[in-house]
Every structure is written in structure tokens, then in C-alpha cells.
């Protein structure tokens, strides 16, 4: 029983952290977001809603500067104020913003947003358990090794989710008559914006390489033709 104690403690930690993370995320988004009111973007959202047989696709603006889009565990869709400013300045088109919204809708429809919260908590539990075990076996290196292994697991899961959400978005944009040209052009623009700012944009940091994402979408496009 004593040998299992570190693992049981890690699992308990993961569950508690999962519940706390959901509460903290929802509280943060509630306090720092407003509903998207832009008429052009709302019209594009309505086209996607019609394609999904929904009354509406409600989107909120999250009042932070990094360029990003996200799907909350409760299913709400957000684009950041930083992303919206790129649209207002003409650096990003309405259709490109719509492609981000479609991508985040994919995360919700495919269950990624809630699963990611569970996975993140699980990865923390694995990291703690591995750290305890490897820390005893390899003092000084075990904790670092545990963090590296859990990080590799997280990256692999994240990349797969992004490819799936890209495919969902491409299908939805095509069905809605918006098309996937803006989806592909946005990937290239974000790379360029990241290079000009000297810092990787938040939306790129957790996503696969741009060329690979475009190639995957084009493969779907050829299949649909």
C-alpha cells in the first residue's frame, strides 16, 4: 500500500487541480469577456450556425492582448482582443477570423476543450508520480526527466487535436460557403506576424507547423473535389 501512495496522491492532485482549473478558467473568462458585436463577423457566424442547424454561434471577445482563439471547457468560443484588433486594422480579414471561430467550434464539437482540461490535470498527476519515482531512482535528474516526458505527451496530444479541428473547420467553412482560402492564408499571416513581432504568437505556440497544416487541408480539399 505504501508503494502505491505516491501514485494515489498524484491522482488525487490531478482531480483537485482539474476542478480548480475549470473554476479558475470560467471565472477569468466571465470577468474579462464581452459578446462579439461586429455585424460582419456576426453575419459569418450566422452562416456557420445555419450549416450546423443551430440558432446562433455566439462568440465572445476575451480582453487580453495575445493573438489567440480558444474554446472554453463549457463550450463557449472566444477570440482575444489582440486578434480582434488585427481584424480592425485590416491585417486579418473577416473570413480569416471566421476560420479561427470554425477551428474553435471544432474543438468543442470533438470534445477537445473539456478533454484537454482533463488531460492537463492527468499530465500533472503523471509528472508528480514520475517525479517521485524517478527522483528516487535518479536523484537530481529524475524530476527533470519526468517533466520532459509529460511535456512530450502533452505536445503529441495537442498536435493531433489541432489537425482534427482544422479538418472540422475546413468542412464547416466549405459547407457555409466561406471557403478554406482564408483558413490557409491565416496560417501564413500568423507566421509572418510572429516573425515581425519577434515573439511567437500564442495561437502558433500550441499548434503544428504551418506548412504541414496547409498540406493537410489541401489534401482534404482535393478529396472533396
Foldseek 3Di string as FASTA:
>chain_A
DVVCVLLVVLVVQLVVQLVVVLVVVVVLQVVFKDKDDDPVLQVLQCLLCVLVVHPGQIEIEGADQFFAWAAALVGHTYTYPNVVVCCVVVVADSLLVSLRRQLRNQCSVVVNNNVLSSLVSVLSSQLSSQLVVQCVVPPPCRSVVSVVVSVVVSLVVLAVSSLRSNQRSQVSCVSSVSHCPSVLVVLVSQVVVCVVVVHRGPHPPSYDRSVVSVVSSVVVVVVVD
